[in-house]
Amino acid sequence: FERRLLNDAASEFAAALQEVFYITRLRVAAKVTGEGMPKVDGRLSTHVLDTHSGRPAAGVAIELHELAGERTYHVASAVTNADGRTERPLIGERPLPIGRYELRFAIGDHYRSRGIDSGNPPFLDIVPLRFSIAEPEGHYHVPLLFTPWGYTTYRGS
């Protein structure tokens, strides 16, 4: 929203018109089925890998929150399977709401449950990853690779 405040009149008109077209497309897609309808679904997924053990991280609790100013809203909870993935996308089968989000991964519990010392209290307990969604029809894949002492992420495919 704030970046659009700097638009000149012609740029803002073009941006607003694109939003109207997008909303119309979503409404048509909700009412009409059949061949030729454009896809209007997005997808948010993750993959959690324990690089300390060299394997996918099974049993990691994950929470997804939407950030709106000073408030946070719980969107989804999941636990990773044997492949380090959630059984379903964290958001899927619908357009992704544009906004700011935070994934929270319970890494401390993961190592505690395996008897791996990561400090007391653990050096990493809950790992928060903040990111933004700008494309409602996009595929956002947010992997987490971690050890008891560090982590990294990227936007996957």
N, C-alpha and C. Protein backbone atom coordinates (compact mmCIF):
# COMPACT_ATOMS: atom_id res chain seq x y z
N PHE A 1 0.83 -1.19 0.00
CA PHE A 1 0.00 0.00 0.00
C PHE A 1 0.87 1.26 0.00
N GLU A 2 1.83 1.32 0.94
CA GLU A 2 2.61 2.55 1.09
C GLU A 2 3.42 2.88 -0.16
N ARG A 3 3.92 1.86 -0.86
CA ARG A 3 4.71 2.14 -2.06
C ARG A 3 3.86 2.79 -3.15
N ARG A 4 2.55 2.54 -3.13
CA ARG A 4 1.68 3.13 -4.14
C ARG A 4 1.38 4.59 -3.85
N LEU A 5 1.62 5.07 -2.65
CA LEU A 5 1.39 6.48 -2.34
C LEU A 5 2.29 7.40 -3.16
N LEU A 6 3.41 6.87 -3.62
CA LEU A 6 4.36 7.67 -4.40
C LEU A 6 4.05 7.68 -5.89
N ASN A 7 3.06 6.90 -6.32
CA ASN A 7 2.70 6.83 -7.74
C ASN A 7 2.17 8.17 -8.24
N ASP A 8 2.50 8.48 -9.51
CA ASP A 8 1.84 9.62 -10.14
C ASP A 8 0.44 9.17 -10.54
N ALA A 9 -0.39 10.07 -11.01
CA ALA A 9 -1.79 9.76 -11.30
C ALA A 9 -1.93 8.65 -12.34
N ALA A 10 -1.14 8.69 -13.41
CA ALA A 10 -1.26 7.68 -14.47
C ALA A 10 -0.83 6.30 -13.96
N SER A 11 0.25 6.25 -13.19
CA SER A 11 0.71 4.96 -12.65
C SER A 11 -0.30 4.39 -11.66
N GLU A 12 -0.87 5.24 -10.84
CA GLU A 12 -1.86 4.76 -9.87
C GLU A 12 -3.12 4.28 -10.57
N PHE A 13 -3.54 4.97 -11.61
CA PHE A 13 -4.70 4.53 -12.38
C PHE A 13 -4.45 3.15 -12.97
N ALA A 14 -3.27 2.94 -13.54
CA ALA A 14 -2.93 1.64 -14.13
C ALA A 14 -2.90 0.55 -13.06
N ALA A 15 -2.31 0.84 -11.90
CA ALA A 15 -2.25 -0.15 -10.82
C ALA A 15 -3.65 -0.48 -10.30
N ALA A 16 -4.49 0.54 -10.14
CA ALA A 16 -5.86 0.30 -9.66
C ALA A 16 -6.66 -0.51 -10.68
N LEU A 17 -6.47 -0.23 -11.95
CA LEU A 17 -7.17 -0.98 -12.99
C LEU A 17 -6.74 -2.46 -12.97
N GLN A 18 -5.47 -2.73 -12.77
CA GLN A 18 -5.00 -4.12 -12.66
C GLN A 18 -5.65 -4.82 -11.47
N GLU A 19 -5.81 -4.13 -10.36
CA GLU A 19 -6.48 -4.71 -9.19
C GLU A 19 -7.94 -5.03 -9.50
N VAL A 20 -8.62 -4.14 -10.19
CA VAL A 20 -10.02 -4.39 -10.57
C VAL A 20 -10.11 -5.61 -11.48
N PHE A 21 -9.20 -5.72 -12.45
CA PHE A 21 -9.19 -6.89 -13.34
C PHE A 21 -8.95 -8.17 -12.53
N TYR A 22 -8.04 -8.11 -11.59
CA TYR A 22 -7.72 -9.29 -10.79
C TYR A 22 -8.93 -9.71 -9.94
N ILE A 23 -9.58 -8.76 -9.29
CA ILE A 23 -10.76 -9.06 -8.47
C ILE A 23 -11.86 -9.65 -9.34
N THR A 24 -12.07 -9.09 -10.52
CA THR A 24 -13.08 -9.62 -11.45
C THR A 24 -12.75 -11.06 -11.82
N ARG A 25 -11.50 -11.33 -12.12
CA ARG A 25 -11.09 -12.69 -12.48
C ARG A 25 -11.34 -13.67 -11.34
N LEU A 26 -11.05 -13.27 -10.11
CA LEU A 26 -11.31 -14.13 -8.96
C LEU A 26 -12.80 -14.42 -8.82
N ARG A 27 -13.62 -13.40 -9.00
CA ARG A 27 -15.07 -13.59 -8.87
C ARG A 27 -15.62 -14.49 -9.97
N VAL A 28 -15.14 -14.31 -11.18
CA VAL A 28 -15.57 -15.17 -12.29
C VAL A 28 -15.14 -16.61 -12.03
N ALA A 29 -13.91 -16.80 -11.59
CA ALA A 29 -13.40 -18.15 -11.33
C ALA A 29 -14.19 -18.84 -10.23
N ALA A 30 -14.71 -18.07 -9.27
CA ALA A 30 -15.51 -18.66 -8.19
C ALA A 30 -16.88 -19.11 -8.67
N LYS A 31 -17.36 -18.54 -9.76
CA LYS A 31 -18.70 -18.84 -10.25
C LYS A 31 -18.73 -19.79 -11.45
N VAL A 32 -17.65 -19.84 -12.21
CA VAL A 32 -17.63 -20.60 -13.46
C VAL A 32 -16.61 -21.72 -13.36
N THR A 33 -16.97 -22.88 -13.86
CA THR A 33 -16.03 -23.99 -13.91
C THR A 33 -15.89 -24.46 -15.35
N GLY A 34 -14.95 -25.32 -15.56
CA GLY A 34 -14.79 -25.88 -16.90
C GLY A 34 -13.42 -25.58 -17.48
N GLU A 35 -13.22 -26.08 -18.67
CA GLU A 35 -11.93 -25.91 -19.32
C GLU A 35 -11.70 -24.46 -19.71
N GLY A 36 -10.45 -24.06 -19.66
CA GLY A 36 -10.09 -22.72 -20.08
C GLY A 36 -10.11 -21.69 -18.97
N MET A 37 -10.60 -22.07 -17.78
CA MET A 37 -10.60 -21.11 -16.68
C MET A 37 -9.17 -20.92 -16.17
N PRO A 38 -8.76 -19.70 -15.92
CA PRO A 38 -7.41 -19.47 -15.43
C PRO A 38 -7.27 -19.96 -13.99
N LYS A 39 -6.09 -20.43 -13.67
CA LYS A 39 -5.81 -20.86 -12.30
C LYS A 39 -5.73 -19.62 -11.42
N VAL A 40 -6.37 -19.67 -10.29
CA VAL A 40 -6.33 -18.54 -9.36
C VAL A 40 -5.87 -18.98 -7.98
N ASP A 41 -5.30 -20.17 -7.89
CA ASP A 41 -4.84 -20.67 -6.60
C ASP A 41 -3.36 -20.40 -6.43
N GLY A 42 -2.98 -20.12 -5.20
CA GLY A 42 -1.57 -20.01 -4.83
C GLY A 42 -1.20 -21.16 -3.91
N ARG A 43 0.04 -21.15 -3.47
CA ARG A 43 0.50 -22.25 -2.61
C ARG A 43 1.67 -21.76 -1.76
N LEU A 44 1.60 -22.07 -0.46
CA LEU A 44 2.71 -21.81 0.45
C LEU A 44 3.10 -23.14 1.08
N SER A 45 4.35 -23.53 0.89
CA SER A 45 4.84 -24.80 1.43
C SER A 45 6.21 -24.60 2.07
N THR A 46 6.65 -25.63 2.79
CA THR A 46 7.97 -25.60 3.42
C THR A 46 8.58 -26.99 3.39
N HIS A 47 9.87 -27.06 3.64
CA HIS A 47 10.61 -28.31 3.72
C HIS A 47 11.67 -28.08 4.79
N VAL A 48 11.71 -28.93 5.80
CA VAL A 48 12.57 -28.71 6.95
C VAL A 48 13.65 -29.79 6.96
N LEU A 49 14.91 -29.36 6.92
CA LEU A 49 16.04 -30.29 6.83
C LEU A 49 17.01 -30.06 7.98
N ASP A 50 17.31 -31.14 8.71
CA ASP A 50 18.25 -31.11 9.83
C ASP A 50 19.63 -31.41 9.26
N THR A 51 20.43 -30.38 9.02
CA THR A 51 21.74 -30.60 8.42
C THR A 51 22.74 -31.15 9.44
N HIS A 52 22.42 -31.12 10.72
CA HIS A 52 23.25 -31.74 11.75
C HIS A 52 23.23 -33.25 11.59
N SER A 53 22.06 -33.82 11.32
CA SER A 53 21.94 -35.27 11.13
C SER A 53 22.02 -35.66 9.66
N GLY A 54 21.88 -34.67 8.77
CA GLY A 54 21.92 -34.97 7.34
C GLY A 54 20.64 -35.59 6.81
N ARG A 55 19.52 -35.34 7.52
CA ARG A 55 18.24 -35.94 7.12
C ARG A 55 17.10 -34.93 7.19
N PRO A 56 15.98 -35.26 6.54
CA PRO A 56 14.78 -34.43 6.73
C PRO A 56 14.39 -34.42 8.21
N ALA A 57 13.84 -33.32 8.66
CA ALA A 57 13.47 -33.16 10.06
C ALA A 57 12.01 -33.56 10.26
N ALA A 58 11.79 -34.77 10.74
CA ALA A 58 10.43 -35.26 11.01
C ALA A 58 9.97 -34.79 12.38
N GLY A 59 8.69 -34.50 12.50
CA GLY A 59 8.09 -34.15 13.78
C GLY A 59 8.30 -32.73 14.25
N VAL A 60 8.73 -31.83 13.38
CA VAL A 60 8.93 -30.43 13.76
C VAL A 60 7.59 -29.70 13.70
N ALA A 61 7.21 -29.09 14.81
CA ALA A 61 5.98 -28.29 14.85
C ALA A 61 6.23 -26.95 14.16
N ILE A 62 5.27 -26.55 13.34
CA ILE A 62 5.38 -25.30 12.58
C ILE A 62 4.09 -24.51 12.78
N GLU A 63 4.24 -23.21 12.98
CA GLU A 63 3.09 -22.31 13.02
C GLU A 63 3.29 -21.23 11.98
N LEU A 64 2.20 -20.85 11.33
CA LEU A 64 2.21 -19.75 10.37
C LEU A 64 1.33 -18.64 10.93
N HIS A 65 1.89 -17.42 10.96
CA HIS A 65 1.16 -16.25 11.44
C HIS A 65 1.21 -15.15 10.39
N GLU A 66 0.10 -14.44 10.25
CA GLU A 66 0.07 -13.25 9.41
C GLU A 66 0.39 -12.06 10.29
N LEU A 67 1.24 -11.17 9.82
CA LEU A 67 1.64 -9.98 10.57
C LEU A 67 0.89 -8.79 10.01
N ALA A 68 0.17 -8.09 10.87
CA ALA A 68 -0.60 -6.92 10.45
C ALA A 68 -0.32 -5.80 11.45
N GLY A 69 0.64 -4.96 11.11
CA GLY A 69 1.04 -3.91 12.05
C GLY A 69 1.64 -4.54 13.29
N GLU A 70 1.11 -4.20 14.44
CA GLU A 70 1.59 -4.76 15.70
C GLU A 70 0.90 -6.07 16.07
N ARG A 71 -0.09 -6.47 15.30
CA ARG A 71 -0.87 -7.68 15.62
C ARG A 71 -0.42 -8.85 14.77
N THR A 72 -0.60 -10.05 15.32
CA THR A 72 -0.34 -11.27 14.57
C THR A 72 -1.59 -12.13 14.62
N TYR A 73 -1.84 -12.83 13.52
CA TYR A 73 -3.00 -13.70 13.42
C TYR A 73 -2.54 -15.10 13.05
N HIS A 74 -2.96 -16.08 13.83
CA HIS A 74 -2.61 -17.46 13.54
C HIS A 74 -3.33 -17.90 12.27
N VAL A 75 -2.59 -18.46 11.32
CA VAL A 75 -3.15 -18.90 10.05
C VAL A 75 -3.21 -20.42 9.98
N ALA A 76 -2.13 -21.09 10.38
CA ALA A 76 -2.08 -22.55 10.25
C ALA A 76 -1.05 -23.13 11.20
N SER A 77 -1.24 -24.40 11.54
CA SER A 77 -0.27 -25.19 12.30
C SER A 77 -0.08 -26.50 11.58
N ALA A 78 1.12 -27.05 11.67
CA ALA A 78 1.40 -28.33 11.03
C ALA A 78 2.60 -28.97 11.72
N VAL A 79 2.78 -30.25 11.45
CA VAL A 79 3.95 -31.00 11.93
C VAL A 79 4.54 -31.69 10.71
N THR A 80 5.87 -31.65 10.61
CA THR A 80 6.51 -32.25 9.44
C THR A 80 6.44 -33.77 9.48
N ASN A 81 6.37 -34.36 8.29
CA ASN A 81 6.34 -35.82 8.15
C ASN A 81 7.78 -36.36 8.02
N ALA A 82 7.92 -37.64 7.71
CA ALA A 82 9.24 -38.27 7.62
C ALA A 82 10.13 -37.64 6.55
N ASP A 83 9.52 -36.97 5.58
CA ASP A 83 10.28 -36.31 4.52
C ASP A 83 10.59 -34.85 4.85
N GLY A 84 10.20 -34.40 6.06
CA GLY A 84 10.45 -33.01 6.46
C GLY A 84 9.48 -32.02 5.86
N ARG A 85 8.38 -32.51 5.31
CA ARG A 85 7.37 -31.64 4.69
C ARG A 85 6.06 -31.75 5.47
N THR A 86 5.18 -30.81 5.24
CA THR A 86 3.84 -30.92 5.82
C THR A 86 2.97 -31.73 4.86
N GLU A 87 1.95 -32.37 5.40
CA GLU A 87 1.09 -33.22 4.56
C GLU A 87 0.34 -32.41 3.50
N ARG A 88 0.00 -31.18 3.84
CA ARG A 88 -0.71 -30.28 2.92
C ARG A 88 0.03 -28.94 2.90
N PRO A 89 -0.17 -28.15 1.88
CA PRO A 89 0.42 -26.81 1.90
C PRO A 89 -0.09 -26.04 3.12
N LEU A 90 0.72 -25.13 3.62
CA LEU A 90 0.29 -24.29 4.74
C LEU A 90 -0.86 -23.38 4.31
N ILE A 91 -0.81 -22.92 3.07
CA ILE A 91 -1.95 -22.26 2.43
C ILE A 91 -2.01 -22.84 1.02
N GLY A 92 -3.18 -23.26 0.59
CA GLY A 92 -3.30 -23.82 -0.75
C GLY A 92 -4.74 -23.87 -1.19
N GLU A 93 -4.93 -24.14 -2.47
CA GLU A 93 -6.24 -24.29 -3.08
C GLU A 93 -7.09 -23.02 -2.99
N ARG A 94 -6.42 -21.88 -2.88
CA ARG A 94 -7.09 -20.59 -2.89
C ARG A 94 -6.03 -19.53 -3.16
N PRO A 95 -6.43 -18.33 -3.53
CA PRO A 95 -5.43 -17.27 -3.70
C PRO A 95 -4.73 -16.98 -2.37
N LEU A 96 -3.45 -16.71 -2.42
CA LEU A 96 -2.70 -16.37 -1.22
C LEU A 96 -2.97 -14.92 -0.85
N PRO A 97 -3.35 -14.66 0.39
CA PRO A 97 -3.53 -13.27 0.80
C PRO A 97 -2.20 -12.51 0.76
N ILE A 98 -2.19 -11.38 0.09
CA ILE A 98 -1.00 -10.54 0.05
C ILE A 98 -0.75 -10.04 1.46
N GLY A 99 0.50 -10.09 1.90
CA GLY A 99 0.81 -9.60 3.23
C GLY A 99 2.15 -10.09 3.73
N ARG A 100 2.40 -9.80 5.01
CA ARG A 100 3.63 -10.21 5.68
C ARG A 100 3.31 -11.38 6.60
N TYR A 101 4.22 -12.35 6.64
CA TYR A 101 3.99 -13.59 7.38
C TYR A 101 5.22 -13.96 8.20
N GLU A 102 4.98 -14.84 9.17
CA GLU A 102 6.07 -15.40 9.95
C GLU A 102 5.82 -16.89 10.14
N LEU A 103 6.79 -17.70 9.74
CA LEU A 103 6.78 -19.13 10.04
C LEU A 103 7.59 -19.31 11.31
N ARG A 104 7.09 -20.14 12.23
CA ARG A 104 7.80 -20.43 13.48
C ARG A 104 8.05 -21.93 13.56
N PHE A 105 9.32 -22.30 13.63
CA PHE A 105 9.73 -23.70 13.65
C PHE A 105 10.24 -24.05 15.05
N ALA A 106 9.71 -25.11 15.65
CA ALA A 106 10.10 -25.54 17.01
C ALA A 106 11.34 -26.43 16.94
N ILE A 107 12.49 -25.80 16.74
CA ILE A 107 13.74 -26.52 16.58
C ILE A 107 14.24 -27.07 17.92
N GLY A 108 14.08 -26.30 18.99
CA GLY A 108 14.52 -26.77 20.31
C GLY A 108 13.85 -28.07 20.69
N ASP A 109 12.54 -28.17 20.48
CA ASP A 109 11.81 -29.41 20.78
C ASP A 109 12.31 -30.56 19.91
N HIS A 110 12.65 -30.28 18.67
CA HIS A 110 13.15 -31.31 17.75
C HIS A 110 14.41 -31.96 18.33
N TYR A 111 15.36 -31.15 18.76
CA TYR A 111 16.61 -31.71 19.29
C TYR A 111 16.41 -32.33 20.67
N ARG A 112 15.58 -31.72 21.51
CA ARG A 112 15.29 -32.30 22.83
C ARG A 112 14.72 -33.71 22.68
N SER A 113 13.77 -33.89 21.75
CA SER A 113 13.12 -35.19 21.58
C SER A 113 14.09 -36.25 21.06
N ARG A 114 15.22 -35.84 20.51
CA ARG A 114 16.22 -36.77 19.99
C ARG A 114 17.42 -36.92 20.92
N GLY A 115 17.35 -36.26 22.07
CA GLY A 115 18.44 -36.36 23.04
C GLY A 115 19.71 -35.66 22.61
N ILE A 116 19.60 -34.68 21.74
CA ILE A 116 20.77 -33.95 21.26
C ILE A 116 20.90 -32.66 22.05
N ASP A 117 22.06 -32.47 22.68
CA ASP A 117 22.28 -31.29 23.51
C ASP A 117 22.49 -30.07 22.63
N SER A 118 21.64 -29.09 22.81
CA SER A 118 21.81 -27.82 22.09
C SER A 118 21.84 -26.66 23.07
N GLY A 119 22.20 -26.98 24.33
CA GLY A 119 22.28 -25.98 25.38
C GLY A 119 21.05 -26.02 26.26
N ASN A 120 21.17 -25.39 27.43
CA ASN A 120 20.05 -25.34 28.36
C ASN A 120 19.96 -23.92 28.92
N PRO A 121 19.07 -23.10 28.41
CA PRO A 121 18.09 -23.37 27.37
C PRO A 121 18.77 -23.55 26.02
N PRO A 122 18.05 -24.13 25.04
CA PRO A 122 18.67 -24.36 23.74
C PRO A 122 19.08 -23.05 23.07
N PHE A 123 20.21 -23.11 22.34
CA PHE A 123 20.68 -21.93 21.62
C PHE A 123 19.61 -21.45 20.65
N LEU A 124 19.03 -22.37 19.87
CA LEU A 124 17.88 -22.06 19.01
C LEU A 124 16.69 -22.83 19.54
N ASP A 125 15.63 -22.13 19.87
CA ASP A 125 14.42 -22.80 20.35
C ASP A 125 13.34 -22.71 19.28
N ILE A 126 12.77 -21.53 19.13
CA ILE A 126 11.80 -21.27 18.06
C ILE A 126 12.51 -20.42 17.01
N VAL A 127 12.55 -20.90 15.78
CA VAL A 127 13.17 -20.15 14.69
C VAL A 127 12.07 -19.42 13.92
N PRO A 128 12.09 -18.08 13.94
CA PRO A 128 11.09 -17.31 13.19
C PRO A 128 11.65 -16.89 11.82
N LEU A 129 10.85 -17.09 10.79
CA LEU A 129 11.22 -16.63 9.45
C LEU A 129 10.14 -15.67 8.96
N ARG A 130 10.52 -14.43 8.73
CA ARG A 130 9.56 -13.44 8.22
C ARG A 130 9.75 -13.26 6.72
N PHE A 131 8.64 -13.20 6.02
CA PHE A 131 8.66 -13.05 4.57
C PHE A 131 7.36 -12.41 4.14
N SER A 132 7.31 -12.01 2.88
CA SER A 132 6.11 -11.37 2.33
C SER A 132 5.59 -12.14 1.13
N ILE A 133 4.28 -12.09 0.96
CA ILE A 133 3.63 -12.66 -0.21
C ILE A 133 3.09 -11.49 -1.02
N ALA A 134 3.48 -11.43 -2.29
CA ALA A 134 3.05 -10.35 -3.16
C ALA A 134 2.19 -10.83 -4.33
N GLU A 135 2.21 -12.15 -4.59
CA GLU A 135 1.49 -12.70 -5.74
C GLU A 135 0.47 -13.73 -5.26
N PRO A 136 -0.82 -13.41 -5.29
CA PRO A 136 -1.84 -14.34 -4.80
C PRO A 136 -1.83 -15.70 -5.50
N GLU A 137 -1.35 -15.75 -6.73
CA GLU A 137 -1.32 -17.01 -7.47
C GLU A 137 0.06 -17.64 -7.48
N GLY A 138 0.97 -17.10 -6.69
CA GLY A 138 2.34 -17.58 -6.69
C GLY A 138 2.52 -18.87 -5.91
N HIS A 139 3.66 -19.52 -6.15
CA HIS A 139 4.07 -20.68 -5.37
C HIS A 139 5.24 -20.21 -4.52
N TYR A 140 5.00 -20.15 -3.23
CA TYR A 140 6.02 -19.74 -2.28
C TYR A 140 6.45 -20.98 -1.51
N HIS A 141 7.69 -21.38 -1.70
CA HIS A 141 8.25 -22.53 -1.00
C HIS A 141 9.38 -21.98 -0.12
N VAL A 142 9.26 -22.17 1.20
CA VAL A 142 10.19 -21.58 2.15
C VAL A 142 10.86 -22.70 2.94
N PRO A 143 11.98 -23.24 2.43
CA PRO A 143 12.69 -24.30 3.15
C PRO A 143 13.47 -23.74 4.34
N LEU A 144 13.69 -24.59 5.34
CA LEU A 144 14.54 -24.26 6.47
C LEU A 144 15.57 -25.37 6.61
N LEU A 145 16.84 -25.00 6.60
CA LEU A 145 17.95 -25.91 6.86
C LEU A 145 18.56 -25.46 8.18
N PHE A 146 18.77 -26.38 9.12
CA PHE A 146 19.21 -25.96 10.44
C PHE A 146 20.11 -26.98 11.12
N THR A 147 20.85 -26.48 12.11
CA THR A 147 21.62 -27.28 13.06
C THR A 147 21.21 -26.76 14.43
N PRO A 148 21.76 -27.32 15.52
CA PRO A 148 21.43 -26.75 16.83
C PRO A 148 21.94 -25.31 17.00
N TRP A 149 22.82 -24.84 16.10
CA TRP A 149 23.46 -23.55 16.31
C TRP A 149 23.27 -22.55 15.19
N GLY A 150 22.57 -22.90 14.15
CA GLY A 150 22.37 -21.96 13.05
C GLY A 150 21.33 -22.47 12.07
N TYR A 151 20.91 -21.57 11.19
CA TYR A 151 19.91 -21.95 10.18
C TYR A 151 20.04 -21.05 8.96
N THR A 152 19.46 -21.50 7.87
CA THR A 152 19.40 -20.71 6.65
C THR A 152 18.10 -21.02 5.92
N THR A 153 17.70 -20.11 5.07
CA THR A 153 16.48 -20.29 4.29
C THR A 153 16.65 -19.60 2.94
N TYR A 154 15.71 -19.83 2.07
CA TYR A 154 15.69 -19.21 0.76
C TYR A 154 14.30 -19.40 0.19
N ARG A 155 14.00 -18.70 -0.89
CA ARG A 155 12.74 -18.95 -1.58
C ARG A 155 12.98 -20.04 -2.61
N GLY A 156 12.40 -21.19 -2.36
CA GLY A 156 12.57 -22.33 -3.25
C GLY A 156 11.58 -22.31 -4.39
N SER A 157 11.51 -23.44 -5.08
CA SER A 157 10.60 -23.53 -6.22
C SER A 157 9.60 -24.64 -6.01
